[in-house]
C-alpha atoms as a PDB file:
ATOM      1  CA  MET A   1     -26.290 -35.759 -28.555  1.00  0.00           C
ATOM      2  CA  PRO A   2     -27.058 -32.522 -26.638  1.00  0.00           C
ATOM      3  CA  ASN A   3     -30.647 -32.597 -27.964  1.00  0.00           C
ATOM      4  CA  ALA A   4     -31.064 -36.213 -26.877  1.00  0.00           C
ATOM      5  CA  LEU A   5     -29.789 -35.410 -23.366  1.00  0.00           C
ATOM      6  CA  ALA A   6     -32.150 -32.443 -23.068  1.00  0.00           C
ATOM      7  CA  THR A   7     -35.104 -34.560 -24.234  1.00  0.00           C
ATOM      8  CA  ILE A   8     -34.352 -37.342 -21.753  1.00  0.00           C
ATOM      9  CA  VAL A   9     -34.100 -34.963 -18.798  1.00  0.00           C
ATOM     10  CA  ALA A  10     -37.131 -32.874 -19.820  1.00  0.00           C
ATOM     11  CA  ALA A  11     -39.257 -36.024 -20.248  1.00  0.00           C
ATOM     12  CA  ALA A  12     -39.529 -36.331 -16.464  1.00  0.00           C
ATOM     13  CA  ARG A  13     -42.813 -34.336 -16.471  1.00  0.00           C
ATOM     14  CA  LYS A  14     -45.507 -35.882 -14.347  1.00  0.00           C
ATOM     15  CA  GLU A  15     -48.388 -35.191 -16.743  1.00  0.00           C
ATOM     16  CA  SER A  16     -49.660 -36.046 -20.207  1.00  0.00           C
ATOM     17  CA  ARG A  17     -49.826 -33.464 -22.948  1.00  0.00           C
ATOM     18  CA  GLY A  18     -50.374 -34.181 -26.638  1.00  0.00           C
ATOM     19  CA  ALA A  19     -47.738 -36.505 -28.041  1.00  0.00           C
ATOM     20  CA  HIS A  20     -46.047 -36.609 -24.626  1.00  0.00           C
ATOM     21  CA  ALA A  21     -48.529 -39.056 -23.135  1.00  0.00           C
ATOM     22  CA  HIS A  22     -47.696 -40.970 -19.962  1.00  0.00           C
ATOM     23  CA  GLU A  23     -49.895 -43.913 -18.959  1.00  0.00           C
ATOM     24  CA  ASP A  24     -49.020 -43.345 -15.298  1.00  0.00           C
ATOM     25  CA  PHE A  25     -50.026 -39.629 -15.519  1.00  0.00           C
ATOM     26  CA  PRO A  26     -53.086 -39.527 -17.819  1.00  0.00           C
ATOM     27  CA  ASP A  27     -54.191 -35.944 -17.069  1.00  0.00           C
ATOM     28  CA  ARG A  28     -52.868 -32.483 -17.909  1.00  0.00           C
ATOM     29  CA  ASP A  29     -51.583 -30.289 -15.101  1.00  0.00           C
ATOM     30  CA  ASP A  30     -51.849 -26.745 -16.464  1.00  0.00           C
ATOM     31  CA  VAL A  31     -51.223 -25.174 -13.063  1.00  0.00           C
ATOM     32  CA  LYS A  32     -47.733 -26.656 -12.800  1.00  0.00           C
ATOM     33  CA  TRP A  33     -46.774 -27.383 -16.397  1.00  0.00           C
ATOM     34  CA  ARG A  34     -48.230 -24.596 -18.539  1.00  0.00           C
ATOM     35  CA  VAL A  35     -44.750 -23.145 -18.892  1.00  0.00           C
ATOM     36  CA  HIS A  36     -41.973 -23.117 -21.461  1.00  0.00           C
ATOM     37  CA  THR A  37     -39.194 -25.498 -20.448  1.00  0.00           C
ATOM     38  CA  ILE A  38     -35.693 -24.279 -21.220  1.00  0.00           C
ATOM     39  CA  ALA A  39     -32.847 -26.804 -21.286  1.00  0.00           C
ATOM     40  CA  ARG A  40     -29.225 -25.753 -21.041  1.00  0.00           C
ATOM     41  CA  VAL A  41     -26.699 -28.469 -21.852  1.00  0.00           C
ATOM     42  CA  ASP A  42     -23.093 -28.241 -20.659  1.00  0.00           C
ATOM     43  CA  GLY A  43     -21.174 -31.376 -21.525  1.00  0.00           C
ATOM     44  CA  ASN A  44     -23.189 -34.241 -20.018  1.00  0.00           C
ATOM     45  CA  LYS A  45     -25.102 -32.019 -17.588  1.00  0.00           C
ATOM     46  CA  VAL A  46     -28.562 -30.624 -18.332  1.00  0.00           C
ATOM     47  CA  LYS A  47     -30.100 -27.784 -16.353  1.00  0.00           C
ATOM     48  CA  LEU A  48     -33.817 -27.122 -16.778  1.00  0.00           C
ATOM     49  CA  SER A  49     -35.529 -23.827 -16.106  1.00  0.00           C
ATOM     50  CA  HIS A  50     -38.981 -22.541 -16.933  1.00  0.00           C
ATOM     51  CA  ARG A  51     -40.607 -19.329 -18.043  1.00  0.00           C
ATOM     52  CA  PRO A  52     -44.327 -18.557 -18.011  1.00  0.00           C
ATOM     53  CA  VAL A  53     -46.533 -18.843 -21.067  1.00  0.00           C
ATOM     54  CA  ILE A  54     -47.932 -15.498 -22.213  1.00  0.00           C
ATOM     55  CA  THR A  55     -51.670 -15.781 -21.626  1.00  0.00           C
ATOM     56  CA  THR A  56     -52.836 -12.352 -22.778  1.00  0.00           C
ATOM     57  CA  PRO A  57     -53.242 -11.678 -26.496  1.00  0.00           C
ATOM     58  CA  LEU A  58     -51.201  -9.004 -28.244  1.00  0.00           C
ATOM     59  CA  SER A  59     -54.307  -7.805 -30.116  1.00  0.00           C
ATOM     60  CA  SER A  60     -57.847  -7.606 -28.801  1.00  0.00           C
ATOM     61  CA  GLU A  61     -60.622  -9.463 -30.588  1.00  0.00           C
ATOM     62  CA  ASP A  62     -62.067  -6.094 -31.650  1.00  0.00           C
ATOM     63  CA  ALA A  63     -58.733  -5.212 -33.281  1.00  0.00           C
ATOM     64  CA  GLY A  64     -58.684  -8.457 -35.295  1.00  0.00           C
ATOM     65  CA  GLY A  65     -57.093 -10.735 -32.696  1.00  0.00           C
ATOM     66  CA  ILE A  66     -58.127 -14.335 -32.076  1.00  0.00           C
ATOM     67  CA  SER A  67     -60.761 -15.143 -29.478  1.00  0.00           C
ATOM     68  CA  MET A  68     -59.190 -16.609 -26.332  1.00  0.00           C
ATOM     69  CA  ASP A  69     -61.961 -19.246 -26.337  1.00  0.00           C
ATOM     70  CA  GLN A  70     -60.592 -20.585 -29.635  1.00  0.00           C
ATOM     71  CA  ILE A  71     -57.044 -21.023 -28.360  1.00  0.00           C
ATOM     72  CA  ALA A  72     -57.665 -21.903 -24.713  1.00  0.00           C
ATOM     73  CA  PRO A  73     -55.879 -25.057 -23.497  1.00  0.00           C
ATOM     74  CA  LYS A  74     -58.034 -28.166 -23.533  1.00  0.00           C
ATOM     75  CA  LYS A  75     -57.750 -31.894 -23.154  1.00  0.00           C
ATOM     76  CA  ARG A  76     -57.124 -33.896 -26.303  1.00  0.00           C
ATOM     77  CA  THR A  77     -59.797 -36.495 -26.808  1.00  0.00           C
ATOM     78  CA  PHE A  78     -58.572 -38.636 -29.696  1.00  0.00           C
END
């Protein structure tokens, strides 16, 4: 039940992303929503917080890391 409550509250995003598609919000909003959403459930109350996504690689491409062009966010087109 705690997972279901967290999912219901977190589903209030006003954007579409992957499997979380909303017909009323067809586009991604990376400026606002490129974050990790953290849900804390206490009884029937859910508190959401966010933390930024790490956007710099741990290893450079020269040191064997992945090219940022390969893993950059992009719109799904299927």
